[in-house]
């Protein structure tokens, strides 16, 4: 398989919510990731914070024996700008208390030239070898 490298621009969307947030009875972060997959987003990563605070200035931190500490959760998605624009109204419905940050990013994507993978690239306009 041939190694390929693609580079270009994309949008990075970060969603900041609480671990205890729910959507239709399931953890919000889980519901968002399932929705992202359903909407054919390139991928998503969920990170659980050790400590943080938000608009209400209440500190949330990890404790050894705590059952629920409502730790901060960050979901990151990098995708084409037009797909991110279509995602925002969906998140408007799902996120009741949180923050969304959008950033223009320069992306480098590596692949091994597997069949069909080049069609999945975020930025196919500038291939390098």
Protein backbone atom coordinates (compact mmCIF):
# COMPACT_ATOMS: atom_id res chain seq x y z
CA UNK A 1 0.00 0.00 0.00
CA UNK A 2 1.19 3.45 -0.89
CA UNK A 3 1.64 5.99 1.90
CA UNK A 4 -0.22 9.24 1.22
CA UNK A 5 -0.27 12.57 3.00
CA UNK A 6 -3.01 15.18 2.56
CA UNK A 7 -2.94 18.70 3.94
CA UNK A 8 -5.32 21.61 3.87
CA UNK A 9 -7.76 23.59 5.96
CA UNK A 10 -10.72 22.45 8.01
CA UNK A 11 -12.82 23.52 11.00
CA UNK A 12 -12.27 22.24 14.51
CA UNK A 13 -15.36 22.20 16.71
CA UNK A 14 -14.99 21.64 20.44
CA UNK A 15 -17.97 21.01 22.67
CA UNK A 16 -17.56 21.58 26.43
CA UNK A 17 -20.20 19.94 28.61
CA UNK A 18 -20.50 18.21 31.98
CA UNK A 19 -20.15 14.49 32.52
CA UNK A 20 -23.57 14.31 34.19
CA UNK A 21 -25.40 16.05 31.30
CA UNK A 22 -28.05 13.84 29.66
CA UNK A 23 -29.94 13.67 26.36
CA UNK A 24 -33.04 11.48 26.28
CA UNK A 25 -31.79 9.46 29.26
CA UNK A 26 -28.24 8.73 28.02
CA UNK A 27 -25.02 10.63 28.71
CA UNK A 28 -24.94 13.69 26.44
CA UNK A 29 -21.39 13.01 25.25
CA UNK A 30 -22.45 9.53 24.13
CA UNK A 31 -25.55 10.85 22.36
CA UNK A 32 -23.47 13.52 20.58
CA UNK A 33 -20.89 10.99 19.35
CA UNK A 34 -23.64 8.71 18.05
CA UNK A 35 -25.23 11.68 16.29
CA UNK A 36 -21.86 12.68 14.77
CA UNK A 37 -21.45 9.17 13.38
CA UNK A 38 -25.02 9.20 12.07
CA UNK A 39 -24.26 12.51 10.30
CA UNK A 40 -21.16 10.97 8.69
CA UNK A 41 -18.62 13.22 10.42
CA UNK A 42 -14.98 12.22 9.86
CA UNK A 43 -14.42 11.37 13.53
CA UNK A 44 -14.73 12.57 17.10
CA UNK A 45 -12.74 12.34 20.33
CA UNK A 46 -14.19 12.60 23.83
CA UNK A 47 -11.85 13.74 26.61
CA UNK A 48 -12.70 13.67 30.31
CA UNK A 49 -11.11 16.42 32.33
CA UNK A 50 -9.48 16.01 35.72
CA UNK A 51 -10.66 19.41 36.90
CA UNK A 52 -12.42 22.49 35.58
CA UNK A 53 -15.09 25.13 36.03
CA UNK A 54 -17.54 26.92 33.82
CA UNK A 55 -19.80 29.97 33.77
CA UNK A 56 -21.13 29.32 37.27
CA UNK A 57 -17.59 29.30 38.72
CA UNK A 58 -18.19 25.97 40.49
CA UNK A 59 -15.03 23.81 40.50
CA UNK A 60 -15.46 20.19 39.47
CA UNK A 61 -12.60 17.80 40.22
CA UNK A 62 -11.86 14.13 40.31
CA UNK A 63 -11.91 12.39 43.70
CA UNK A 64 -10.89 8.82 44.43
CA UNK A 65 -14.08 7.58 46.07
CA UNK A 66 -16.64 9.94 44.52
CA UNK A 67 -19.44 8.28 42.59
CA UNK A 68 -20.31 11.35 40.51
CA UNK A 69 -18.31 14.56 40.26
CA UNK A 70 -19.73 16.00 37.02
CA UNK A 71 -16.26 16.29 35.52
CA UNK A 72 -15.72 18.42 32.42
CA UNK A 73 -16.08 16.68 29.06
CA UNK A 74 -14.66 17.99 25.77
CA UNK A 75 -15.70 16.53 22.42
CA UNK A 76 -13.49 17.47 19.46
CA UNK A 77 -14.51 17.15 15.80
CA UNK A 78 -12.41 18.18 12.78
CA UNK A 79 -14.36 18.36 9.56
CA UNK A 80 -15.08 20.31 6.39
CA UNK A 81 -16.59 23.75 7.15
CA UNK A 82 -19.88 23.01 5.37
CA UNK A 83 -20.44 19.85 7.45
CA UNK A 84 -19.70 21.74 10.67
CA UNK A 85 -22.24 24.41 9.66
CA UNK A 86 -24.89 21.69 9.24
CA UNK A 87 -23.99 20.26 12.65
CA UNK A 88 -24.55 23.46 14.69
CA UNK A 89 -28.41 23.36 14.57
CA UNK A 90 -28.33 19.73 15.76
CA UNK A 91 -26.12 20.69 18.72
CA UNK A 92 -28.41 23.66 19.46
CA UNK A 93 -31.14 21.12 20.24
CA UNK A 94 -28.95 18.76 22.27
CA UNK A 95 -26.74 21.04 24.39
CA UNK A 96 -28.71 22.86 27.08
CA UNK A 97 -25.74 23.98 29.18
CA UNK A 98 -22.30 24.11 27.62
CA UNK A 99 -19.96 25.87 25.24
CA UNK A 100 -19.04 25.33 21.61
CA UNK A 101 -15.77 26.71 20.21
CA UNK A 102 -15.02 26.86 16.47
CA UNK A 103 -11.53 27.29 15.07
CA UNK A 104 -10.04 27.31 11.57
CA UNK A 105 -7.27 24.72 11.50
CA UNK A 106 -4.53 23.54 9.17
CA UNK A 107 -4.69 19.73 8.97
CA UNK A 108 -2.27 17.02 7.90
CA UNK A 109 -3.82 13.59 7.35
CA UNK A 110 -1.86 10.42 6.72
CA UNK A 111 -3.23 7.28 5.10
CA UNK A 112 -1.93 4.07 3.61
CA UNK A 113 -3.85 4.38 0.38
CA UNK A 114 -6.49 1.82 1.32
CA UNK A 115 -9.32 1.57 -1.23
CA UNK A 116 -11.93 4.27 -0.68
CA UNK A 117 -9.91 6.12 1.96
CA UNK A 118 -8.96 8.97 -0.37
CA UNK A 119 -12.66 9.77 -0.82
CA UNK A 120 -12.94 10.17 2.97
CA UNK A 121 -10.18 12.79 3.15
CA UNK A 122 -11.02 16.13 4.71
CA UNK A 123 -8.83 17.98 2.25
CA UNK A 124 -8.13 16.15 -1.00
CA UNK A 125 -7.04 19.28 -2.85
CA UNK A 126 -3.31 19.10 -1.96
CA UNK A 127 -1.97 15.53 -1.96
CA UNK A 128 1.72 15.00 -1.19
CA UNK A 129 3.86 11.88 -1.34
